[in-house]
Amino acid sequence: MSHDHDHGSMGAEDHRGRLAVAFGITAAILVAQAIGALLTGSLALLVDTAHMLTDASGLLLALITASLTLRPASSRRTWGFRRAEVLAALGQSAVLLAVGVYVLIEGVQRLFGPPEIPSTELLLFGIIGLVGNVASMLVLASRRSANFNLRAAFLEVLNDALGSVGVIVAAIVIATTGWQQADAIAGLLIGALIVPRAIKLLRETASVLLETTPPGLDLDQVRTHLTEIDHVRGVHDMHASLISTGLPIISAHVVVEEGCFKDGHAPQILDRLQECVATHFDVPVEHSTFQIEPVAHRDHEAPSHA
């Protein structure tokens, strides 16, 4: 007995317009900063350009994924492409982590042998990058918590903006003091900003793919509340996971009194079970599946059911 839903696009929102604008801005900045990195030889600008390349690719992937998640479910893909956003965010975070590690290694090397960096050109391209990144942030800010894709995109643009600030500061320091190591220091700071955020997002998306219990949902509490429902004698074989952002699911075997199958209580118990998981907890679970069974049924189940 299950809680039946027509999943359709399962509440996926259309964020393609915001992503398209952010991608256009990011791609334009990428071209400008690539030219700047070639002209100046700056590590900070080179790293920021590599980061921009990652972000532009990530935003393009997010845009494609946003289209896929709006496709309806089918008999082959019962959740549609909702998990595509998780895969996209996982890929972005992995590439972002690789870029961050490269920055740290190259930055340390340049501390001991810094090249000559033209500060005026560096400042110009840093300002161009900052203005563009702030524009992208404004486009994505209001919906950045909607799903993993938008969150990843916003974090990457934010990191880019901070990286542009680092480039600007390095340019000012070089112009006023002649201390060329400022460029390497800025590169290291950009790397220090990238790595922790990339690791955090990588862990969260990997957790979804491993089908761990959704954050904030305590299955022990769920089990306790379900067993407090009248006529329920036990709950076992309980599983909960997250398909994608805002789409938790739960399933369980619920043991009820034998008489419930004779006096018509079983459908009422199912309603209460579904209402409990959908309304009682901080993480509401609207997609629930419960197998209601008599006590004797336990003897016929596989040993792996617990």
Protein backbone atom coordinates (compact mmCIF):
# COMPACT_ATOMS: atom_id res chain seq x y z
CA MET A 1 0.00 0.00 0.00
CA SER A 2 1.62 3.23 -1.05
CA HIS A 3 1.14 6.93 -1.29
CA ASP A 4 0.54 7.41 -4.99
CA HIS A 5 1.69 10.56 -6.77
CA ASP A 6 1.80 11.65 -10.35
CA HIS A 7 5.40 12.72 -10.32
CA GLY A 8 5.41 14.47 -13.67
CA SER A 9 8.16 17.03 -13.40
CA MET A 10 7.82 16.66 -9.60
CA GLY A 11 7.74 20.31 -8.78
CA ALA A 12 10.93 21.19 -10.59
CA GLU A 13 11.14 24.91 -11.17
CA ASP A 14 12.36 26.48 -14.39
CA HIS A 15 15.56 28.39 -13.58
CA ARG A 16 16.93 28.35 -17.12
CA GLY A 17 16.53 32.07 -17.68
CA ARG A 18 18.71 32.99 -14.71
CA LEU A 19 21.29 30.38 -15.59
CA ALA A 20 21.42 31.53 -19.22
CA VAL A 21 22.06 35.15 -18.22
CA ALA A 22 24.72 34.11 -15.70
CA PHE A 23 26.37 31.88 -18.30
CA GLY A 24 26.47 34.68 -20.88
CA ILE A 25 28.10 37.08 -18.41
CA THR A 26 30.57 34.45 -17.21
CA ALA A 27 31.55 33.48 -20.74
CA ALA A 28 32.23 37.13 -21.63
CA ILE A 29 34.38 37.59 -18.51
CA LEU A 30 36.22 34.35 -19.30
CA VAL A 31 37.30 35.66 -22.71
CA ALA A 32 38.41 39.01 -21.25
CA GLN A 33 40.38 37.42 -18.41
CA ALA A 34 42.01 34.86 -20.70
CA ILE A 35 43.34 37.73 -22.78
CA GLY A 36 44.45 39.50 -19.61
CA ALA A 37 46.25 36.43 -18.29
CA LEU A 38 48.18 36.09 -21.54
CA LEU A 39 49.14 39.77 -21.55
CA THR A 40 50.16 40.05 -17.90
CA GLY A 41 51.45 36.58 -16.99
CA SER A 42 49.70 36.94 -13.61
CA LEU A 43 49.15 33.77 -11.59
CA ALA A 44 46.18 35.28 -9.77
CA LEU A 45 44.56 36.23 -13.07
CA LEU A 46 45.49 32.92 -14.67
CA VAL A 47 43.97 31.00 -11.78
CA ASP A 48 40.89 33.19 -11.80
CA THR A 49 40.60 32.53 -15.54
CA ALA A 50 40.86 28.77 -14.97
CA HIS A 51 38.22 29.13 -12.29
CA MET A 52 36.05 31.10 -14.72
CA LEU A 53 36.46 28.32 -17.30
CA THR A 54 35.27 25.83 -14.71
CA ASP A 55 32.36 28.08 -13.81
CA ALA A 56 31.37 28.71 -17.41
CA SER A 57 31.38 24.95 -18.05
CA GLY A 58 29.47 24.38 -14.83
CA LEU A 59 26.85 26.99 -15.69
CA LEU A 60 26.42 25.50 -19.15
CA LEU A 61 26.04 22.06 -17.59
CA ALA A 62 23.60 23.48 -15.05
CA LEU A 63 21.60 25.04 -17.87
CA ILE A 64 21.41 21.72 -19.69
CA THR A 65 20.53 19.93 -16.45
CA ALA A 66 17.79 22.45 -15.68
CA SER A 67 16.18 21.48 -18.98
CA LEU A 68 16.54 17.75 -18.26
CA THR A 69 14.94 18.01 -14.81
CA LEU A 70 11.79 19.46 -16.37
CA ARG A 71 11.24 16.38 -18.48
CA PRO A 72 8.38 14.21 -17.19
CA ALA A 73 8.92 10.83 -15.55
CA SER A 74 8.56 7.69 -17.61
CA SER A 75 8.29 3.95 -17.05
CA ARG A 76 12.04 3.73 -17.58
CA ARG A 77 13.03 6.80 -15.56
CA THR A 78 10.49 6.92 -12.76
CA TRP A 79 11.99 10.09 -11.26
CA GLY A 80 12.65 11.69 -14.62
CA PHE A 81 16.04 13.43 -14.66
CA ARG A 82 15.76 14.95 -11.19
CA ARG A 83 19.04 13.42 -10.06
CA ALA A 84 20.86 15.00 -12.99
CA GLU A 85 21.28 18.16 -10.93
CA VAL A 86 23.15 16.16 -8.30
CA LEU A 87 25.47 14.62 -10.88
CA ALA A 88 26.13 18.06 -12.38
CA ALA A 89 26.92 19.60 -9.01
CA LEU A 90 29.19 16.65 -8.16
CA GLY A 91 31.16 17.12 -11.37
CA GLN A 92 31.47 20.87 -10.82
CA SER A 93 32.70 20.46 -7.27
CA ALA A 94 35.27 17.83 -8.30
CA VAL A 95 36.72 20.06 -11.03
CA LEU A 96 36.64 23.04 -8.68
CA LEU A 97 38.63 21.07 -6.11
CA ALA A 98 41.24 20.14 -8.73
CA VAL A 99 41.61 23.80 -9.72
CA GLY A 100 42.00 24.79 -6.06
CA VAL A 101 44.75 22.25 -5.45
CA TYR A 102 46.61 23.41 -8.58
CA VAL A 103 46.42 27.01 -7.36
CA LEU A 104 47.98 26.13 -4.03
CA ILE A 105 50.88 24.24 -5.61
CA GLU A 106 51.63 26.86 -8.27
CA GLY A 107 51.26 29.70 -5.78
CA VAL A 108 53.90 28.28 -3.44
CA GLN A 109 56.30 27.81 -6.34
CA ARG A 110 55.86 31.40 -7.49
CA LEU A 111 56.57 32.77 -4.04
CA PHE A 112 60.22 31.83 -4.59
CA GLY A 113 60.44 32.97 -8.21
CA PRO A 114 57.81 35.61 -9.03
CA PRO A 115 57.70 36.97 -12.60
CA GLU A 116 57.27 40.66 -13.43
CA ILE A 117 53.57 41.53 -13.51
CA PRO A 118 52.25 44.76 -15.14
CA SER A 119 50.04 46.21 -12.42
CA THR A 120 47.92 48.53 -14.59
CA GLU A 121 46.70 45.80 -16.92
CA LEU A 122 46.20 43.48 -13.96
CA LEU A 123 44.03 46.06 -12.22
CA LEU A 124 41.96 46.65 -15.35
CA PHE A 125 41.15 42.98 -15.89
CA GLY A 126 40.49 42.49 -12.19
CA ILE A 127 37.87 45.24 -12.27
CA ILE A 128 36.26 43.77 -15.39
CA GLY A 129 36.02 40.40 -13.66
CA LEU A 130 34.57 41.85 -10.46
CA VAL A 131 31.87 43.85 -12.25
CA GLY A 132 30.80 40.83 -14.29
CA ASN A 133 30.77 38.48 -11.30
CA VAL A 134 28.69 40.87 -9.21
CA ALA A 135 26.18 41.06 -12.08
CA SER A 136 25.98 37.24 -12.21
CA MET A 137 25.56 37.06 -8.43
CA LEU A 138 22.61 39.47 -8.58
CA VAL A 139 20.98 37.26 -11.22
CA LEU A 140 21.38 34.06 -9.17
CA ALA A 141 21.11 35.37 -5.59
CA SER A 142 17.35 35.21 -5.04
CA ARG A 143 17.08 31.52 -6.05
CA ARG A 144 20.48 30.20 -4.96
CA SER A 145 18.92 27.80 -2.41
CA ALA A 146 16.42 26.29 -4.86
CA ASN A 147 18.58 23.28 -5.75
CA PHE A 148 22.14 21.93 -5.87
CA ASN A 149 22.73 23.31 -9.36
CA LEU A 150 21.87 26.90 -8.49
CA ARG A 151 23.73 26.63 -5.22
CA ALA A 152 26.85 25.37 -6.98
CA ALA A 153 26.54 28.07 -9.63
CA PHE A 154 26.15 30.84 -7.04
CA LEU A 155 29.10 29.61 -4.96
CA GLU A 156 31.31 29.48 -8.02
CA VAL A 157 30.36 33.01 -9.09
CA LEU A 158 30.91 34.20 -5.50
CA ASN A 159 34.35 32.60 -5.48
CA ASP A 160 35.08 34.29 -8.80
CA ALA A 161 34.08 37.65 -7.35
CA LEU A 162 36.38 37.11 -4.37
CA GLY A 163 39.11 36.04 -6.76
CA SER A 164 38.67 39.26 -8.74
CA VAL A 165 39.00 41.22 -5.50
CA GLY A 166 42.25 39.37 -4.86
CA VAL A 167 43.50 40.27 -8.34
CA ILE A 168 42.64 43.94 -7.76
CA VAL A 169 44.38 44.02 -4.38
CA ALA A 170 47.47 42.32 -5.84
CA ALA A 171 47.57 44.87 -8.66
CA ILE A 172 47.38 47.77 -6.19
CA VAL A 173 50.12 46.28 -3.98
CA ILE A 174 52.43 45.71 -6.97
CA ALA A 175 51.78 49.23 -8.27
CA THR A 176 52.47 50.93 -4.94
CA THR A 177 55.26 48.76 -3.50
CA GLY A 178 56.70 46.75 -6.40
CA TRP A 179 56.33 43.54 -4.33
CA GLN A 180 55.73 40.96 -7.08
CA GLN A 181 54.96 38.16 -4.62
CA ALA A 182 51.58 39.84 -4.07
CA ASP A 183 50.35 38.08 -7.22
CA ALA A 184 51.29 34.65 -5.82
CA ILE A 185 49.73 35.51 -2.45
CA ALA A 186 46.49 36.48 -4.20
CA GLY A 187 46.55 33.18 -6.09
CA LEU A 188 47.00 31.25 -2.84
CA LEU A 189 44.11 33.13 -1.23
CA ILE A 190 41.87 32.29 -4.19
CA GLY A 191 42.83 28.64 -3.77
CA ALA A 192 42.10 28.79 -0.06
CA LEU A 193 38.62 30.08 -0.88
CA ILE A 194 37.97 27.44 -3.51
CA VAL A 195 39.02 24.24 -1.75
CA PRO A 196 36.78 24.26 1.40
CA ARG A 197 33.63 25.12 -0.54
CA ALA A 198 34.40 22.52 -3.18
CA ILE A 199 34.91 19.84 -0.51
CA LYS A 200 31.66 20.76 1.25
CA LEU A 201 29.60 20.57 -1.93
CA LEU A 202 31.38 17.37 -2.97
CA ARG A 203 30.47 15.72 0.34
CA GLU A 204 26.84 16.82 0.15
CA THR A 205 26.27 15.64 -3.41
CA ALA A 206 28.11 12.35 -2.78
CA SER A 207 25.87 11.84 0.24
CA VAL A 208 22.80 12.08 -1.98
CA LEU A 209 24.23 9.58 -4.46
CA LEU A 210 24.99 7.20 -1.59
CA GLU A 211 21.32 7.54 -0.58
CA THR A 212 22.02 8.52 3.00
CA THR A 213 19.17 9.75 5.17
CA PRO A 214 18.21 13.36 4.30
CA PRO A 215 19.84 15.89 6.67
CA GLY A 216 17.46 16.86 9.46
CA LEU A 217 15.40 13.67 9.31
CA ASP A 218 15.92 11.39 12.34
CA LEU A 219 14.70 7.90 11.45
CA ASP A 220 14.65 6.85 15.10
CA GLN A 221 12.16 9.62 15.80
CA VAL A 222 10.17 8.68 12.73
CA ARG A 223 10.00 5.07 13.86
CA THR A 224 8.91 6.13 17.37
CA HIS A 225 6.09 8.33 16.08
CA LEU A 226 4.86 5.71 13.63
CA THR A 227 4.67 3.04 16.34
CA GLU A 228 2.56 5.40 18.46
CA ILE A 229 -0.23 5.25 15.89
CA ASP A 230 -3.17 3.10 17.05
CA HIS A 231 -2.99 -0.58 16.03
CA VAL A 232 0.65 -0.32 14.85
CA ARG A 233 2.78 -3.01 16.47
CA GLY A 234 6.13 -2.42 14.82
CA VAL A 235 8.07 -0.74 12.02
CA HIS A 236 11.00 -2.32 10.21
CA ASP A 237 12.90 -2.26 6.91
CA MET A 238 12.78 1.55 6.94
CA HIS A 239 14.70 3.50 4.31
CA ALA A 240 14.92 7.21 3.55
CA SER A 241 16.92 9.09 0.94
CA LEU A 242 16.99 12.22 -1.18
CA ILE A 243 16.33 12.03 -4.92
CA SER A 244 17.28 15.67 -5.47
CA THR A 245 16.83 19.01 -3.77
CA GLY A 246 13.46 19.15 -2.00
CA LEU A 247 12.51 15.58 -2.89
CA PRO A 248 12.99 13.23 0.11
CA ILE A 249 11.42 9.78 0.04
CA ILE A 250 10.76 7.15 2.71
CA SER A 251 9.58 3.54 2.78
CA ALA A 252 8.91 1.06 5.57
CA HIS A 253 7.17 -2.16 6.52
CA VAL A 254 4.52 -1.50 9.17
CA VAL A 255 3.21 -4.35 11.29
CA VAL A 256 -0.41 -3.93 12.44
CA GLU A 257 -2.90 -6.00 14.42
CA GLU A 258 -4.49 -8.92 12.61
CA GLY A 259 -7.97 -7.50 13.06
CA CYS A 260 -7.17 -4.40 11.00
CA PHE A 261 -7.43 -6.46 7.82
CA LYS A 262 -10.93 -7.60 8.79
CA ASP A 263 -12.55 -4.49 10.25
CA GLY A 264 -11.32 -1.97 7.64
CA HIS A 265 -8.72 -0.18 9.79
CA ALA A 266 -5.84 -0.77 7.36
CA PRO A 267 -6.65 2.10 4.95
CA GLN A 268 -7.11 4.48 7.91
CA ILE A 269 -3.73 3.48 9.31
CA LEU A 270 -2.13 4.11 5.92
CA ASP A 271 -3.59 7.62 5.88
CA ARG A 272 -2.21 8.36 9.34
CA LEU A 273 1.23 6.99 8.46
CA GLN A 274 1.44 9.20 5.38
CA GLU A 275 0.14 12.22 7.25
CA CYS A 276 2.71 11.68 10.00
CA VAL A 277 5.78 11.71 7.75
CA ALA A 278 4.40 14.54 5.61
CA THR A 279 3.52 16.97 8.40
CA HIS A 280 5.09 16.05 11.74
CA PHE A 281 8.82 16.48 11.09
CA ASP A 282 11.08 19.37 10.12
CA VAL A 283 11.77 17.58 6.84
CA PRO A 284 8.34 16.81 5.34
CA VAL A 285 8.25 13.65 3.24
CA GLU A 286 5.36 13.63 0.79
CA HIS A 287 6.60 10.69 -1.26
CA SER A 288 6.14 7.76 1.11
CA THR A 289 5.59 4.04 0.58
CA PHE A 290 4.36 1.79 3.42
CA GLN A 291 3.83 -1.95 3.29
CA ILE A 292 1.17 -2.76 5.88
CA GLU A 293 1.42 -6.36 7.04
CA PRO A 294 0.15 -8.67 9.79
CA VAL A 295 2.45 -9.94 12.53
CA ALA A 296 2.69 -13.39 10.93
CA HIS A 297 4.06 -11.95 7.69
CA ARG A 298 7.46 -11.37 9.33
CA ASP A 299 8.13 -15.12 9.15
CA HIS A 300 7.92 -15.01 5.35
CA GLU A 301 10.30 -12.11 4.75
CA ALA A 302 13.93 -12.33 3.68
CA PRO A 303 16.51 -12.22 6.51
CA SER A 304 17.89 -8.95 5.09
CA HIS A 305 14.70 -7.11 6.08
CA ALA A 306 15.34 -5.42 9.41
